[in-house]
Protein backbone atom coordinates (compact mmCIF):
# COMPACT_ATOMS: atom_id res chain seq x y z
CA MET A 1 217.55 85.78 202.16
CA ALA A 2 216.37 84.04 199.00
CA ASP A 3 214.99 80.53 199.42
CA GLY A 4 216.45 77.54 197.62
CA ASN A 5 213.53 77.24 195.18
CA THR A 6 213.98 80.82 193.96
CA ILE A 7 217.72 80.39 193.48
CA GLY A 8 217.19 77.11 191.71
CA LEU A 9 214.60 78.66 189.40
CA VAL A 10 216.93 81.54 188.57
CA ASN A 11 219.83 79.19 187.89
CA GLY A 12 217.61 77.00 185.71
CA ASN A 13 216.44 79.94 183.64
CA LEU A 14 220.00 81.20 183.41
CA GLY A 15 221.09 77.83 182.10
CA GLN A 16 218.47 77.98 179.35
CA ILE A 17 219.49 81.51 178.41
CA LEU A 18 223.16 80.53 178.29
CA ASN A 19 222.33 77.54 176.09
CA PHE A 20 220.36 79.86 173.80
CA LEU A 21 223.28 82.28 173.57
CA ALA A 22 225.76 79.48 172.91
CA ALA A 23 223.57 77.99 170.19
CA ALA A 24 222.94 81.38 168.57
CA GLY A 25 226.60 82.36 168.74
CA GLY A 26 227.76 79.09 167.21
CA LEU A 27 225.11 79.24 164.50
CA GLY A 28 225.98 82.84 163.64
CA THR A 29 229.68 82.00 163.38
CA ALA A 30 228.90 79.02 161.16
CA ALA A 31 226.67 81.13 158.91
CA MET A 32 229.33 83.81 158.50
CA GLY A 33 231.86 81.09 157.72
CA LEU A 34 229.60 79.61 155.05
CA VAL A 35 229.06 83.02 153.48
CA ASP A 36 232.81 83.63 153.50
CA THR A 37 233.50 80.36 151.66
CA THR A 38 231.36 81.54 148.73
CA LYS A 39 234.18 83.96 147.87
CA VAL A 40 235.68 81.12 145.85
CA PHE A 41 232.93 81.74 143.28
CA GLY A 42 234.15 84.89 141.55
CA GLY A 43 234.69 86.72 144.83
CA GLY A 44 231.19 86.04 146.18
CA PRO A 45 230.11 88.66 148.72
CA SER A 46 233.41 90.50 148.27
CA ASN A 47 231.89 91.99 145.13
CA PHE A 48 229.43 93.96 147.27
CA GLY A 49 230.36 97.63 147.37
CA PHE A 50 232.81 97.68 144.46
CA GLY A 51 230.12 98.92 142.08
CA TYR A 52 229.74 102.05 144.20
CA ILE A 53 233.50 102.70 144.00
CA GLU A 54 233.52 102.20 140.24
CA THR A 55 230.60 104.60 139.78
CA ALA A 56 232.04 107.29 142.06
CA LEU A 57 235.41 107.24 140.27
CA GLU A 58 233.98 107.06 136.74
CA PRO A 59 234.61 110.80 136.05
CA PHE A 60 238.31 110.23 136.81
CA LEU A 61 238.59 106.88 135.03
CA ALA A 62 236.74 107.68 131.80
CA PRO A 63 239.37 110.20 130.59
CA LEU A 64 242.07 107.52 130.85
CA GLY A 65 240.55 105.68 127.89
CA ALA A 66 240.12 101.95 127.42
CA LYS A 67 243.81 101.51 126.69
CA SER A 68 246.85 103.74 127.00
CA ALA A 69 250.62 103.64 126.93
CA HIS A 70 250.48 103.27 130.69
CA PHE A 71 247.41 102.06 132.56
CA GLY A 72 244.08 102.70 130.86
CA LYS A 73 240.66 102.56 132.45
CA SER A 74 240.33 98.78 132.11
CA GLU A 75 243.74 98.12 133.68
CA VAL A 76 243.06 100.48 136.57
CA LEU A 77 239.70 98.84 137.22
CA GLN A 78 241.26 95.38 137.16
CA THR A 79 243.86 96.46 139.70
CA MET A 80 241.24 98.14 141.90
CA ARG A 81 238.99 95.09 141.75
CA ALA A 82 241.84 92.69 142.59
CA ASN A 83 242.81 94.74 145.64
CA TRP A 84 239.16 95.04 146.74
CA LEU A 85 238.44 91.32 146.44
CA ASN A 86 241.65 90.45 148.25
CA GLY A 87 240.82 92.73 151.18
CA VAL A 88 243.85 95.00 150.90
CA ALA A 89 243.84 97.77 153.52
CA LYS A 90 241.64 100.66 152.40
CA ALA A 91 244.41 103.21 152.85
CA ASP A 92 246.66 101.20 150.52
CA GLN A 93 243.85 100.76 147.98
CA LYS A 94 243.17 104.47 147.88
CA ALA A 95 246.86 105.29 147.56
CA LYS A 96 247.31 102.83 144.69
CA THR A 97 244.24 104.08 142.85
CA LYS A 98 245.39 107.67 143.21
CA SER A 99 248.85 106.77 141.90
CA LEU A 100 247.39 104.98 138.87
CA ILE A 101 245.18 107.96 138.00
CA HIS A 102 248.26 110.19 138.27
CA LEU A 103 250.12 107.78 136.03
CA GLY A 104 247.41 108.07 133.40
CA LEU A 105 247.43 111.88 133.47
CA THR A 106 248.57 113.10 130.02
CA LYS A 107 248.33 116.19 127.84
CA GLY A 108 245.43 114.56 126.03
CA ASN A 109 243.21 113.96 129.06
CA ALA A 110 244.38 116.62 131.52
CA ALA A 111 241.52 118.97 130.62
CA ARG A 112 238.86 116.28 131.21
CA LEU A 113 240.43 115.25 134.50
CA ALA A 114 240.57 118.89 135.56
CA THR A 115 236.86 119.20 134.78
CA ALA A 116 236.14 116.08 136.85
CA ALA A 117 237.93 117.63 139.82
CA GLY A 118 236.58 121.13 139.23
CA VAL A 119 240.03 122.78 138.93
CA ASP A 120 241.55 125.13 136.35
CA ALA A 121 241.92 123.02 133.20
CA ALA A 122 244.35 125.37 131.44
CA LYS A 123 246.78 125.38 134.35
CA LEU A 124 246.65 121.59 134.76
CA VAL A 125 247.25 121.08 131.03
CA SER A 126 250.15 123.52 131.19
CA LEU A 127 251.58 121.69 134.20
CA VAL A 128 251.47 118.34 132.38
CA GLN A 129 253.07 119.82 129.26
CA LYS A 130 255.88 121.47 131.21
CA THR A 131 256.49 118.32 133.26
CA ALA A 132 256.73 116.23 130.07
CA SER A 133 259.14 118.78 128.56
CA GLY A 134 261.28 119.06 131.67
CA VAL A 135 260.30 122.71 132.24
CA GLN A 136 259.79 124.04 135.77
CA PRO A 137 256.05 124.72 136.37
CA THR A 138 254.83 127.87 138.07
CA GLN A 139 253.60 127.91 141.65
CA ASP A 140 250.02 128.43 140.47
CA GLU A 141 250.24 125.30 138.33
CA VAL A 142 251.65 123.30 141.24
CA ASN A 143 248.81 124.59 143.40
CA VAL A 144 246.30 123.35 140.85
CA LEU A 145 247.80 119.87 141.08
CA GLY A 146 247.42 120.09 144.86
CA GLN A 147 243.77 121.05 144.45
CA PHE A 148 243.28 118.14 142.05
CA ASP A 149 244.82 115.74 144.59
CA ALA A 150 242.64 117.10 147.40
CA VAL A 151 239.43 116.58 145.40
CA LEU A 152 240.52 113.13 144.21
CA SER A 153 241.38 112.12 147.79
CA ALA A 154 237.96 113.25 148.99
CA VAL A 155 236.23 111.26 146.23
CA LEU A 156 238.34 108.20 147.07
CA ASP A 157 237.53 108.49 150.78
CA THR A 158 233.81 108.72 150.11
CA ALA A 159 233.82 105.93 147.54
CA TYR A 160 235.76 103.42 149.62
CA GLU A 161 233.99 104.17 152.88
CA ARG A 162 230.56 103.83 151.28
CA GLY A 163 231.68 100.73 149.39
CA ASP A 164 233.01 99.13 152.57
CA GLN A 165 229.79 99.98 154.40
CA LYS A 166 227.73 98.32 151.67
CA TYR A 167 229.99 95.25 151.72
CA ARG A 168 229.73 94.83 155.49
CA ASN A 169 225.98 95.36 155.63
CA ALA A 170 225.26 93.10 152.67
CA SER A 171 227.50 90.34 154.04
CA LYS A 172 225.79 90.49 157.45
CA CYS A 173 222.37 90.43 155.83
CA LEU A 174 223.34 87.40 153.73
CA ALA A 175 224.74 85.65 156.81
CA MET A 176 221.49 86.38 158.68
CA VAL A 177 219.47 84.74 155.90
CA VAL A 178 221.76 81.70 155.92
CA ALA A 179 221.61 81.47 159.73
CA THR A 180 217.80 81.67 159.71
CA ILE A 181 217.61 78.83 157.19
CA LEU A 182 220.11 76.76 159.17
CA GLY A 183 218.16 77.40 162.38
CA ALA A 184 214.89 76.28 160.81
CA VAL A 185 216.50 73.17 159.34
CA GLY A 186 218.20 72.40 162.65
CA GLY A 187 214.86 72.66 164.46
CA TRP A 188 213.28 70.35 161.89
CA ILE A 189 215.96 67.75 162.67
CA VAL A 190 215.82 68.17 166.46
CA PHE A 191 212.05 68.38 166.91
CA GLY A 192 211.15 65.86 164.23
CA GLY A 193 210.42 66.31 160.56
CA GLY A 194 207.11 66.57 158.83
CA SER A 195 205.07 69.37 157.34
CA SER A 196 203.36 70.02 160.67
CA TYR A 197 206.65 71.31 162.11
CA PHE A 198 206.46 74.56 160.12
CA GLY A 199 203.30 75.64 161.93
CA THR A 200 204.55 75.00 165.46
CA SER A 201 206.19 77.15 168.08
CA ASN A 202 209.32 75.01 167.70
CA PHE A 203 209.71 76.24 164.14
CA ALA A 204 209.21 79.85 165.24
CA LEU A 205 211.79 79.44 168.03
CA SER A 206 214.31 77.77 165.72
CA ALA A 207 213.90 80.49 163.09
CA LEU A 208 214.25 83.16 165.79
CA VAL A 209 217.51 81.65 167.00
CA GLY A 210 218.80 81.72 163.43
CA PHE A 211 217.57 85.26 162.86
CA VAL A 212 219.41 86.72 165.86
CA ALA A 213 222.44 84.45 165.50
CA THR A 214 224.50 86.73 163.24
CA PRO A 215 224.33 89.92 165.35
CA LEU A 216 224.76 87.87 168.55
CA ALA A 217 227.78 85.85 167.38
CA PRO A 218 230.47 88.50 168.10
CA ILE A 219 229.13 89.25 171.59
CA ALA A 220 227.60 85.92 172.67
CA LYS A 221 230.52 84.87 174.89
CA ASP A 222 230.85 88.26 176.61
CA LEU A 223 227.08 88.50 177.10
CA ALA A 224 226.92 85.04 178.66
CA THR A 225 229.78 85.87 181.03
CA SER A 226 228.11 89.14 182.04
CA LEU A 227 224.80 87.39 182.73
CA GLN A 228 226.49 84.77 184.88
CA ALA A 229 228.30 87.45 186.87
CA ALA A 230 225.12 89.51 187.32
CA VAL A 231 223.04 86.54 188.53
CA SER A 232 225.82 85.42 190.84
CA ALA A 233 226.09 88.91 192.35
CA ALA A 234 222.31 89.16 192.77
CA SER A 235 222.14 85.78 194.46
CA THR A 236 224.91 86.77 196.87
CA LEU A 237 223.14 89.99 197.84
CA LYS A 238 219.84 88.21 198.59
CA ARG A 239 221.41 85.70 200.96
């Protein structure tokens, strides 16, 4: 059976840990909220990752030209960027981008697009010409279009997944920096200002809380509940 002093010590330490988790979770949530509000300035962190998408799709966008009778490269990029900044579902973004590239496929750029996808250029050009003339294409020409779609879909998948990964990682990193600064400033307010604060353990602790706040924020509540349950179960077993 555990004595009262041991149980009291455990409960006291648990209370400090729970306070730490609550503070870190709240700080992390606040930091992520602050980072999110910067989207009002030209999209802010939402711009992270789009450059990778633009670069990956350049071989398919360049043949469209700056302007065209339909959607040229600049119009496609504007549409892609608008959907990316607005957080449209990735599946919808990829489908729209694929449709716009199809829309820009003409007799003049079919050969370059075929080269970008690594498919038979002559057959793709023939397919586009026959489609424009209302002539039924051959099965081989239809198969080439299927190959073109398969390659384009693979490029889109890679581009958007890598772009989304970069966006998420960069946003979390930015939120961690903001949380660390907020933690240090909060400690300066709580423990008293002055230049001496930055060389104390209070500054180190405050900065540490800010540093771990962002990764802890999504799990802080569940972690606190689990700790409480574990300590309660351990205390019951020792009695």
